[in-house]
């Protein structure tokens, strides 16, 4: 199969899964294996195209985000929102930087671990959907700093491919009494700095490869654009599903995909 077709497929998978609690990294790595793509460039590709999906959040929430930025000098509420994102961002950023090479070298190359993580995460989503405490925080931009820090600690679990960054942050938010839609929105906002950081770190570590192999730059551009377009549609759909049906659809999806993945690996 032509590499540009592979890039489109990977971009679609990224856009579909980045913001729903099913683990975009796990799905991308399983898709990479299914397509028979080699390690190396394609592992880096899975990280770099995630920035396209993150750009979709910036576009869809531009007015709210820009409004908060403009009000930073004069509005304590805007400053608290910015600080809540920073506080939630730091734990995963520090651990991600420290263990970046291990995560890519070991966990990115373990499809069995990714499938198991999908299944375990699916069970957790089903459980939390039923037992989460009554929410007291309906606004994603008005979370206490202590709550934001707890959410950030939950996000650290997503360093394991297959766990799902959005799933970890949404579950952590709901346990901290954040309303479901607000939990999903905060996971979107938190994705911006964490994925920009992951993009910058991976691009820096692979700068020589990206600069010397010109034929691969267009592939990254294709995946970036496709993931951006697909993510624009998915974000709105996800909010509607979570509001009406909760986390159960995503939990069952994870379990089914993880189980099918284990079966495929068993007979591969």
C-alpha atoms as a PDB file:
ATOM      1  CA  UNK A   1       0.000   0.000   0.000  1.00  0.00           C
ATOM      2  CA  UNK A   2       1.305   3.476  -0.873  1.00  0.00           C
ATOM      3  CA  UNK A   3       2.673   5.448   2.056  1.00  0.00           C
ATOM      4  CA  UNK A   4       0.332   8.386   1.380  1.00  0.00           C
ATOM      5  CA  UNK A   5      -2.656   6.066   1.807  1.00  0.00           C
ATOM      6  CA  UNK A   6      -1.174   4.813   5.066  1.00  0.00           C
ATOM      7  CA  UNK A   7      -0.758   8.437   6.162  1.00  0.00           C
ATOM      8  CA  UNK A   8      -4.420   9.161   5.427  1.00  0.00           C
ATOM      9  CA  UNK A   9      -5.573   6.074   7.330  1.00  0.00           C
ATOM     10  CA  UNK A  10      -3.426   6.989  10.316  1.00  0.00           C
ATOM     11  CA  UNK A  11      -4.703  10.578  10.192  1.00  0.00           C
ATOM     12  CA  UNK A  12      -8.305   9.388  10.217  1.00  0.00           C
ATOM     13  CA  UNK A  13      -7.637   7.102  13.191  1.00  0.00           C
ATOM     14  CA  UNK A  14      -5.923   9.938  15.068  1.00  0.00           C
ATOM     15  CA  UNK A  15      -8.753  12.395  14.405  1.00  0.00           C
ATOM     16  CA  UNK A  16     -11.383   9.845  15.408  1.00  0.00           C
ATOM     17  CA  UNK A  17      -9.732   8.773  18.649  1.00  0.00           C
ATOM     18  CA  UNK A  18      -7.675  11.657  20.088  1.00  0.00           C
ATOM     19  CA  UNK A  19     -10.510  13.144  22.128  1.00  0.00           C
ATOM     20  CA  UNK A  20     -12.712  10.153  22.876  1.00  0.00           C
ATOM     21  CA  UNK A  21     -11.638   7.970  25.827  1.00  0.00           C
ATOM     22  CA  UNK A  22     -10.385   5.031  23.754  1.00  0.00           C
ATOM     23  CA  UNK A  23      -6.632   5.868  23.516  1.00  0.00           C
ATOM     24  CA  UNK A  24      -5.538   7.436  20.261  1.00  0.00           C
ATOM     25  CA  UNK A  25      -1.954   6.263  20.835  1.00  0.00           C
ATOM     26  CA  UNK A  26      -3.050   2.677  21.389  1.00  0.00           C
ATOM     27  CA  UNK A  27      -5.310   2.734  18.338  1.00  0.00           C
ATOM     28  CA  UNK A  28      -2.590   4.309  16.188  1.00  0.00           C
ATOM     29  CA  UNK A  29      -0.008   1.729  17.256  1.00  0.00           C
ATOM     30  CA  UNK A  30      -2.414  -1.151  16.613  1.00  0.00           C
ATOM     31  CA  UNK A  31      -3.305   0.354  13.227  1.00  0.00           C
ATOM     32  CA  UNK A  32       0.406   0.717  12.431  1.00  0.00           C
ATOM     33  CA  UNK A  33       0.907  -2.961  13.177  1.00  0.00           C
ATOM     34  CA  UNK A  34      -2.157  -3.939  11.141  1.00  0.00           C
ATOM     35  CA  UNK A  35      -0.835  -1.976   8.153  1.00  0.00           C
ATOM     36  CA  UNK A  36       2.566  -3.580   8.567  1.00  0.00           C
ATOM     37  CA  UNK A  37       4.370  -0.262   8.993  1.00  0.00           C
ATOM     38  CA  UNK A  38       7.924  -0.425  10.381  1.00  0.00           C
ATOM     39  CA  UNK A  39       9.106   1.172  13.609  1.00  0.00           C
ATOM     40  CA  UNK A  40      11.145   4.346  13.557  1.00  0.00           C
ATOM     41  CA  UNK A  41       9.582   7.022  11.387  1.00  0.00           C
ATOM     42  CA  UNK A  42       6.020   5.744  11.805  1.00  0.00           C
ATOM     43  CA  UNK A  43       6.322   5.835  15.592  1.00  0.00           C
ATOM     44  CA  UNK A  44       7.360   9.467  15.342  1.00  0.00           C
ATOM     45  CA  UNK A  45       4.585  10.054  12.810  1.00  0.00           C
ATOM     46  CA  UNK A  46       1.955   8.938  15.351  1.00  0.00           C
ATOM     47  CA  UNK A  47       3.108  11.642  17.755  1.00  0.00           C
ATOM     48  CA  UNK A  48       3.578  14.459  15.248  1.00  0.00           C
ATOM     49  CA  UNK A  49       0.140  14.190  13.614  1.00  0.00           C
ATOM     50  CA  UNK A  50      -1.559  14.523  16.999  1.00  0.00           C
ATOM     51  CA  UNK A  51      -0.884  18.248  16.800  1.00  0.00           C
ATOM     52  CA  UNK A  52      -3.368  18.417  13.918  1.00  0.00           C
ATOM     53  CA  UNK A  53      -6.121  17.132  16.177  1.00  0.00           C
ATOM     54  CA  UNK A  54      -5.082  19.553  18.927  1.00  0.00           C
ATOM     55  CA  UNK A  55      -5.420  22.429  16.450  1.00  0.00           C
ATOM     56  CA  UNK A  56      -9.079  21.434  16.070  1.00  0.00           C
ATOM     57  CA  UNK A  57      -9.632  22.203  19.780  1.00  0.00           C
ATOM     58  CA  UNK A  58      -8.031  25.615  19.378  1.00  0.00           C
ATOM     59  CA  UNK A  59     -10.290  26.390  16.409  1.00  0.00           C
ATOM     60  CA  UNK A  60     -13.520  25.188  18.053  1.00  0.00           C
ATOM     61  CA  UNK A  61     -12.836  26.870  21.413  1.00  0.00           C
ATOM     62  CA  UNK A  62     -10.971  29.869  20.070  1.00  0.00           C
ATOM     63  CA  UNK A  63     -13.382  32.503  21.412  1.00  0.00           C
ATOM     64  CA  UNK A  64     -13.400  31.104  24.961  1.00  0.00           C
ATOM     65  CA  UNK A  65      -9.660  30.507  25.029  1.00  0.00           C
ATOM     66  CA  UNK A  66      -8.765  33.855  23.472  1.00  0.00           C
ATOM     67  CA  UNK A  67     -11.204  35.607  25.801  1.00  0.00           C
ATOM     68  CA  UNK A  68      -9.419  34.067  28.786  1.00  0.00           C
ATOM     69  CA  UNK A  69      -6.022  35.137  27.398  1.00  0.00           C
ATOM     70  CA  UNK A  70      -7.176  38.731  26.847  1.00  0.00           C
ATOM     71  CA  UNK A  71      -8.598  38.941  30.388  1.00  0.00           C
ATOM     72  CA  UNK A  72      -5.498  37.535  32.116  1.00  0.00           C
ATOM     73  CA  UNK A  73      -4.158  40.920  33.316  1.00  0.00           C
ATOM     74  CA  UNK A  74      -7.480  42.049  34.810  1.00  0.00           C
ATOM     75  CA  UNK A  75      -9.623  39.001  35.587  1.00  0.00           C
ATOM     76  CA  UNK A  76      -8.746  36.687  38.526  1.00  0.00           C
ATOM     77  CA  UNK A  77     -11.046  34.024  37.081  1.00  0.00           C
ATOM     78  CA  UNK A  78      -9.119  33.961  33.796  1.00  0.00           C
ATOM     79  CA  UNK A  79      -5.842  33.681  35.712  1.00  0.00           C
ATOM     80  CA  UNK A  80      -7.221  30.806  37.786  1.00  0.00           C
ATOM     81  CA  UNK A  81      -8.285  28.960  34.635  1.00  0.00           C
ATOM     82  CA  UNK A  82      -4.837  29.378  33.084  1.00  0.00           C
ATOM     83  CA  UNK A  83      -3.194  28.262  36.314  1.00  0.00           C
ATOM     84  CA  UNK A  84      -5.497  25.233  36.578  1.00  0.00           C
ATOM     85  CA  UNK A  85      -4.389  24.061  33.118  1.00  0.00           C
ATOM     86  CA  UNK A  86      -0.724  24.604  33.999  1.00  0.00           C
ATOM     87  CA  UNK A  87      -1.059  22.737  37.307  1.00  0.00           C
ATOM     88  CA  UNK A  88      -2.813  19.821  35.602  1.00  0.00           C
ATOM     89  CA  UNK A  89      -0.254  19.802  32.786  1.00  0.00           C
ATOM     90  CA  UNK A  90       2.928  19.626  34.861  1.00  0.00           C
ATOM     91  CA  UNK A  91       2.835  16.067  36.327  1.00  0.00           C
ATOM     92  CA  UNK A  92       2.513  14.290  32.963  1.00  0.00           C
ATOM     93  CA  UNK A  93       4.903  16.759  31.319  1.00  0.00           C
ATOM     94  CA  UNK A  94       7.649  16.018  33.851  1.00  0.00           C
ATOM     95  CA  UNK A  95       7.164  12.242  33.782  1.00  0.00           C
ATOM     96  CA  UNK A  96       6.818  12.240  30.000  1.00  0.00           C
ATOM     97  CA  UNK A  97      10.107  14.088  29.570  1.00  0.00           C
ATOM     98  CA  UNK A  98      11.902  11.794  32.038  1.00  0.00           C
ATOM     99  CA  UNK A  99      10.621   8.526  30.583  1.00  0.00           C
ATOM    100  CA  UNK A 100      10.140   9.534  26.924  1.00  0.00           C
ATOM    101  CA  UNK A 101      12.744   7.145  25.533  1.00  0.00           C
ATOM    102  CA  UNK A 102      11.563   4.198  27.640  1.00  0.00           C
ATOM    103  CA  UNK A 103       7.940   4.726  26.673  1.00  0.00           C
ATOM    104  CA  UNK A 104       8.767   4.817  22.961  1.00  0.00           C
ATOM    105  CA  UNK A 105      11.296   1.973  23.049  1.00  0.00           C
ATOM    106  CA  UNK A 106       9.361  -0.475  25.247  1.00  0.00           C
ATOM    107  CA  UNK A 107       5.687   0.349  25.619  1.00  0.00           C
ATOM    108  CA  UNK A 108       5.206   1.578  22.023  1.00  0.00           C
ATOM    109  CA  UNK A 109       6.388  -1.804  20.790  1.00  0.00           C
ATOM    110  CA  UNK A 110       4.104  -3.943  22.963  1.00  0.00           C
ATOM    111  CA  UNK A 111       0.726  -4.446  21.230  1.00  0.00           C
ATOM    112  CA  UNK A 112      -0.310  -6.988  23.865  1.00  0.00           C
ATOM    113  CA  UNK A 113       0.129  -4.395  26.617  1.00  0.00           C
ATOM    114  CA  UNK A 114      -1.846  -1.891  24.528  1.00  0.00           C
ATOM    115  CA  UNK A 115      -4.739  -4.322  24.059  1.00  0.00           C
ATOM    116  CA  UNK A 116      -4.804  -5.190  27.752  1.00  0.00           C
ATOM    117  CA  UNK A 117      -4.788  -1.480  28.611  1.00  0.00           C
ATOM    118  CA  UNK A 118      -7.732  -0.923  26.257  1.00  0.00           C
ATOM    119  CA  UNK A 119      -9.753  -3.658  27.974  1.00  0.00           C
ATOM    120  CA  UNK A 120      -8.886  -2.595  31.520  1.00  0.00           C
ATOM    121  CA  UNK A 121      -9.626   1.027  30.676  1.00  0.00           C
ATOM    122  CA  UNK A 122     -12.977   0.027  29.161  1.00  0.00           C
ATOM    123  CA  UNK A 123     -13.993  -1.776  32.346  1.00  0.00           C
ATOM    124  CA  UNK A 124     -12.974   1.270  34.399  1.00  0.00           C
ATOM    125  CA  UNK A 125     -15.074   3.572  32.193  1.00  0.00           C
ATOM    126  CA  UNK A 126     -18.132   1.357  32.652  1.00  0.00           C
ATOM    127  CA  UNK A 127     -17.572   1.280  36.415  1.00  0.00           C
ATOM    128  CA  UNK A 128     -16.976   5.017  36.846  1.00  0.00           C
ATOM    129  CA  UNK A 129     -19.997   5.823  34.698  1.00  0.00           C
ATOM    130  CA  UNK A 130     -22.142   4.117  37.354  1.00  0.00           C
ATOM    131  CA  UNK A 131     -20.447   5.083  40.619  1.00  0.00           C
ATOM    132  CA  UNK A 132     -19.069   8.584  40.021  1.00  0.00           C
ATOM    133  CA  UNK A 133     -20.086  10.993  42.793  1.00  0.00           C
ATOM    134  CA  UNK A 134     -22.661  13.705  42.176  1.00  0.00           C
ATOM    135  CA  UNK A 135     -20.923  16.547  40.289  1.00  0.00           C
ATOM    136  CA  UNK A 136     -20.450  19.933  41.915  1.00  0.00           C
ATOM    137  CA  UNK A 137     -18.308  21.622  39.233  1.00  0.00           C
ATOM    138  CA  UNK A 138     -20.296  22.284  36.034  1.00  0.00           C
ATOM    139  CA  UNK A 139     -17.830  24.735  34.430  1.00  0.00           C
ATOM    140  CA  UNK A 140     -14.547  23.463  32.949  1.00  0.00           C
ATOM    141  CA  UNK A 141     -13.000  26.930  33.285  1.00  0.00           C
ATOM    142  CA  UNK A 142     -13.750  27.300  37.006  1.00  0.00           C
ATOM    143  CA  UNK A 143     -12.071  24.319  38.638  1.00  0.00           C
ATOM    144  CA  UNK A 144     -10.225  24.615  41.970  1.00  0.00           C
ATOM    145  CA  UNK A 145      -6.461  24.232  41.680  1.00  0.00           C
ATOM    146  CA  UNK A 146      -6.502  21.182  43.970  1.00  0.00           C
ATOM    147  CA  UNK A 147      -9.002  19.518  41.639  1.00  0.00           C
ATOM    148  CA  UNK A 148      -6.891  20.416  38.598  1.00  0.00           C
ATOM    149  CA  UNK A 149      -3.795  18.897  40.216  1.00  0.00           C
ATOM    150  CA  UNK A 150      -5.654  15.649  40.947  1.00  0.00           C
ATOM    151  CA  UNK A 151      -6.785  15.505  37.310  1.00  0.00           C
ATOM    152  CA  UNK A 152      -3.198  16.068  36.199  1.00  0.00           C
ATOM    153  CA  UNK A 153      -2.042  13.132  38.321  1.00  0.00           C
ATOM    154  CA  UNK A 154      -4.669  10.918  36.698  1.00  0.00           C
ATOM    155  CA  UNK A 155      -3.414  12.052  33.295  1.00  0.00           C
ATOM    156  CA  UNK A 156      -0.020  10.494  34.100  1.00  0.00           C
ATOM    157  CA  UNK A 157      -1.634   7.080  33.616  1.00  0.00           C
ATOM    158  CA  UNK A 158      -1.974   7.944  29.922  1.00  0.00           C
ATOM    159  CA  UNK A 159       1.791   7.681  29.486  1.00  0.00           C
ATOM    160  CA  UNK A 160       1.066   3.969  29.066  1.00  0.00           C
ATOM    161  CA  UNK A 161      -0.053   3.499  25.421  1.00  0.00           C
ATOM    162  CA  UNK A 162      -3.597   2.147  25.358  1.00  0.00           C
ATOM    163  CA  UNK A 163      -4.670   3.915  28.546  1.00  0.00           C
ATOM    164  CA  UNK A 164      -6.118   7.053  26.874  1.00  0.00           C
ATOM    165  CA  UNK A 165      -5.203  10.559  27.929  1.00  0.00           C
ATOM    166  CA  UNK A 166      -8.753  11.838  27.571  1.00  0.00           C
ATOM    167  CA  UNK A 167     -10.105   8.756  29.354  1.00  0.00           C
ATOM    168  CA  UNK A 168      -7.734   9.207  32.295  1.00  0.00           C
ATOM    169  CA  UNK A 169      -8.503  12.919  32.645  1.00  0.00           C
ATOM    170  CA  UNK A 170     -12.265  12.466  32.280  1.00  0.00           C
ATOM    171  CA  UNK A 171     -12.331   9.659  34.858  1.00  0.00           C
ATOM    172  CA  UNK A 172     -10.168  11.706  37.213  1.00  0.00           C
ATOM    173  CA  UNK A 173     -12.400  14.744  36.701  1.00  0.00           C
ATOM    174  CA  UNK A 174     -15.588  12.811  37.399  1.00  0.00           C
ATOM    175  CA  UNK A 175     -14.099  11.343  40.573  1.00  0.00           C
ATOM    176  CA  UNK A 176     -13.280  14.929  41.580  1.00  0.00           C
ATOM    177  CA  UNK A 177     -16.983  15.796  41.103  1.00  0.00           C
ATOM    178  CA  UNK A 178     -16.629  17.559  37.746  1.00  0.00           C
ATOM    179  CA  UNK A 179     -19.719  17.287  35.520  1.00  0.00           C
ATOM    180  CA  UNK A 180     -19.261  14.969  32.495  1.00  0.00           C
ATOM    181  CA  UNK A 181     -19.364  17.609  29.769  1.00  0.00           C
ATOM    182  CA  UNK A 182     -17.094  19.914  31.766  1.00  0.00           C
ATOM    183  CA  UNK A 183     -14.724  16.982  32.346  1.00  0.00           C
ATOM    184  CA  UNK A 184     -14.542  16.347  28.595  1.00  0.00           C
ATOM    185  CA  UNK A 185     -13.933  20.038  27.869  1.00  0.00           C
ATOM    186  CA  UNK A 186     -11.165  20.276  30.461  1.00  0.00           C
ATOM    187  CA  UNK A 187      -9.526  17.235  28.871  1.00  0.00           C
ATOM    188  CA  UNK A 188      -9.628  19.144  25.546  1.00  0.00           C
ATOM    189  CA  UNK A 189      -7.982  22.220  27.085  1.00  0.00           C
ATOM    190  CA  UNK A 190      -5.389  20.097  28.862  1.00  0.00           C
ATOM    191  CA  UNK A 191      -4.573  18.335  25.599  1.00  0.00           C
ATOM    192  CA  UNK A 192      -3.259  21.563  24.086  1.00  0.00           C
ATOM    193  CA  UNK A 193      -0.112  22.014  26.211  1.00  0.00           C
ATOM    194  CA  UNK A 194       0.546  18.292  26.731  1.00  0.00           C
ATOM    195  CA  UNK A 195       0.379  17.406  23.035  1.00  0.00           C
ATOM    196  CA  UNK A 196       2.237  20.530  21.914  1.00  0.00           C
ATOM    197  CA  UNK A 197       4.940  19.519  24.393  1.00  0.00           C
ATOM    198  CA  UNK A 198       4.985  15.923  23.096  1.00  0.00           C
ATOM    199  CA  UNK A 199       5.160  17.237  19.522  1.00  0.00           C
ATOM    200  CA  UNK A 200       8.055  19.574  20.325  1.00  0.00           C
ATOM    201  CA  UNK A 201       9.981  16.905  22.263  1.00  0.00           C
ATOM    202  CA  UNK A 202       9.589  14.265  19.571  1.00  0.00           C
ATOM    203  CA  UNK A 203      10.352  16.694  16.765  1.00  0.00           C
ATOM    204  CA  UNK A 204      13.519  17.836  18.573  1.00  0.00           C
ATOM    205  CA  UNK A 205      14.722  14.291  19.263  1.00  0.00           C
ATOM    206  CA  UNK A 206      14.120  13.334  15.622  1.00  0.00           C
ATOM    207  CA  UNK A 207      15.162  16.646  14.050  1.00  0.00           C
ATOM    208  CA  UNK A 208      18.000  15.136  12.035  1.00  0.00           C
ATOM    209  CA  UNK A 209      15.768  12.425  10.581  1.00  0.00           C
ATOM    210  CA  UNK A 210      13.048  14.938   9.718  1.00  0.00           C
ATOM    211  CA  UNK A 211      15.527  17.318   8.089  1.00  0.00           C
ATOM    212  CA  UNK A 212      17.393  14.745   6.036  1.00  0.00           C
ATOM    213  CA  UNK A 213      14.535  12.560   4.770  1.00  0.00           C
ATOM    214  CA  UNK A 214      12.552  15.002   2.668  1.00  0.00           C
ATOM    215  CA  UNK A 215      10.177  12.371   1.336  1.00  0.00           C
ATOM    216  CA  UNK A 216       8.641  11.857   4.774  1.00  0.00           C
ATOM    217  CA  UNK A 217       7.681  15.488   5.449  1.00  0.00           C
ATOM    218  CA  UNK A 218       4.688  15.366   3.033  1.00  0.00           C
ATOM    219  CA  UNK A 219       3.445  12.233   4.822  1.00  0.00           C
ATOM    220  CA  UNK A 220       3.412  14.096   8.127  1.00  0.00           C
ATOM    221  CA  UNK A 221       1.577  16.996   6.443  1.00  0.00           C
ATOM    222  CA  UNK A 222      -1.084  14.614   5.070  1.00  0.00           C
ATOM    223  CA  UNK A 223      -1.623  12.981   8.454  1.00  0.00           C
ATOM    224  CA  UNK A 224      -1.709  16.391  10.156  1.00  0.00           C
ATOM    225  CA  UNK A 225      -4.401  17.818   7.867  1.00  0.00           C
ATOM    226  CA  UNK A 226      -6.547  14.674   7.909  1.00  0.00           C
ATOM    227  CA  UNK A 227      -6.425  14.395  11.699  1.00  0.00           C
ATOM    228  CA  UNK A 228      -7.405  18.084  12.001  1.00  0.00           C
ATOM    229  CA  UNK A 229     -10.441  17.792   9.722  1.00  0.00           C
ATOM    230  CA  UNK A 230     -11.694  14.560  11.288  1.00  0.00           C
ATOM    231  CA  UNK A 231     -11.184  15.847  14.845  1.00  0.00           C
ATOM    232  CA  UNK A 232     -13.331  18.924  14.130  1.00  0.00           C
ATOM    233  CA  UNK A 233     -16.344  16.671  13.605  1.00  0.00           C
ATOM    234  CA  UNK A 234     -15.514  14.205  16.370  1.00  0.00           C
ATOM    235  CA  UNK A 235     -15.252  16.742  19.211  1.00  0.00           C
ATOM    236  CA  UNK A 236     -18.847  17.902  18.829  1.00  0.00           C
ATOM    237  CA  UNK A 237     -20.107  14.343  18.468  1.00  0.00           C
ATOM    238  CA  UNK A 238     -18.220  13.228  21.574  1.00  0.00           C
ATOM    239  CA  UNK A 239     -19.733  15.967  23.735  1.00  0.00           C
ATOM    240  CA  UNK A 240     -23.216  14.979  22.571  1.00  0.00           C
ATOM    241  CA  UNK A 241     -22.613  11.295  23.331  1.00  0.00           C
ATOM    242  CA  UNK A 242     -21.135  11.920  26.781  1.00  0.00           C
ATOM    243  CA  UNK A 243     -23.975  14.283  27.675  1.00  0.00           C
ATOM    244  CA  UNK A 244     -26.721  11.862  26.597  1.00  0.00           C
ATOM    245  CA  UNK A 245     -25.203   8.407  27.157  1.00  0.00           C
ATOM    246  CA  UNK A 246     -22.195   8.862  29.402  1.00  0.00           C
ATOM    247  CA  UNK A 247     -18.996   6.846  29.095  1.00  0.00           C
ATOM    248  CA  UNK A 248     -20.542   3.414  28.491  1.00  0.00           C
ATOM    249  CA  UNK A 249     -20.355   3.470  24.643  1.00  0.00           C
ATOM    250  CA  UNK A 250     -16.642   4.234  24.818  1.00  0.00           C
ATOM    251  CA  UNK A 251     -16.067   1.615  27.502  1.00  0.00           C
ATOM    252  CA  UNK A 252     -17.643  -1.158  25.420  1.00  0.00           C
ATOM    253  CA  UNK A 253     -15.784   0.018  22.321  1.00  0.00           C
ATOM    254  CA  UNK A 254     -12.456  -0.259  24.159  1.00  0.00           C
ATOM    255  CA  UNK A 255     -13.266  -3.737  25.424  1.00  0.00           C
ATOM    256  CA  UNK A 256     -14.284  -5.003  21.980  1.00  0.00           C
ATOM    257  CA  UNK A 257     -11.248  -3.521  20.201  1.00  0.00           C
ATOM    258  CA  UNK A 258      -8.856  -4.759  22.885  1.00  0.00           C
ATOM    259  CA  UNK A 259     -10.319  -8.266  22.796  1.00  0.00           C
ATOM    260  CA  UNK A 260     -10.215  -8.422  19.000  1.00  0.00           C
ATOM    261  CA  UNK A 261      -6.645  -7.189  19.111  1.00  0.00           C
ATOM    262  CA  UNK A 262      -5.605  -9.966  21.499  1.00  0.00           C
ATOM    263  CA  UNK A 263      -7.295 -12.552  19.301  1.00  0.00           C
ATOM    264  CA  UNK A 264      -5.547 -11.189  16.213  1.00  0.00           C
ATOM    265  CA  UNK A 265      -2.193 -11.231  17.991  1.00  0.00           C
ATOM    266  CA  UNK A 266      -2.794 -14.785  19.155  1.00  0.00           C
ATOM    267  CA  UNK A 267      -3.284 -16.052  15.603  1.00  0.00           C
ATOM    268  CA  UNK A 268      -0.896 -13.655  13.842  1.00  0.00           C
END
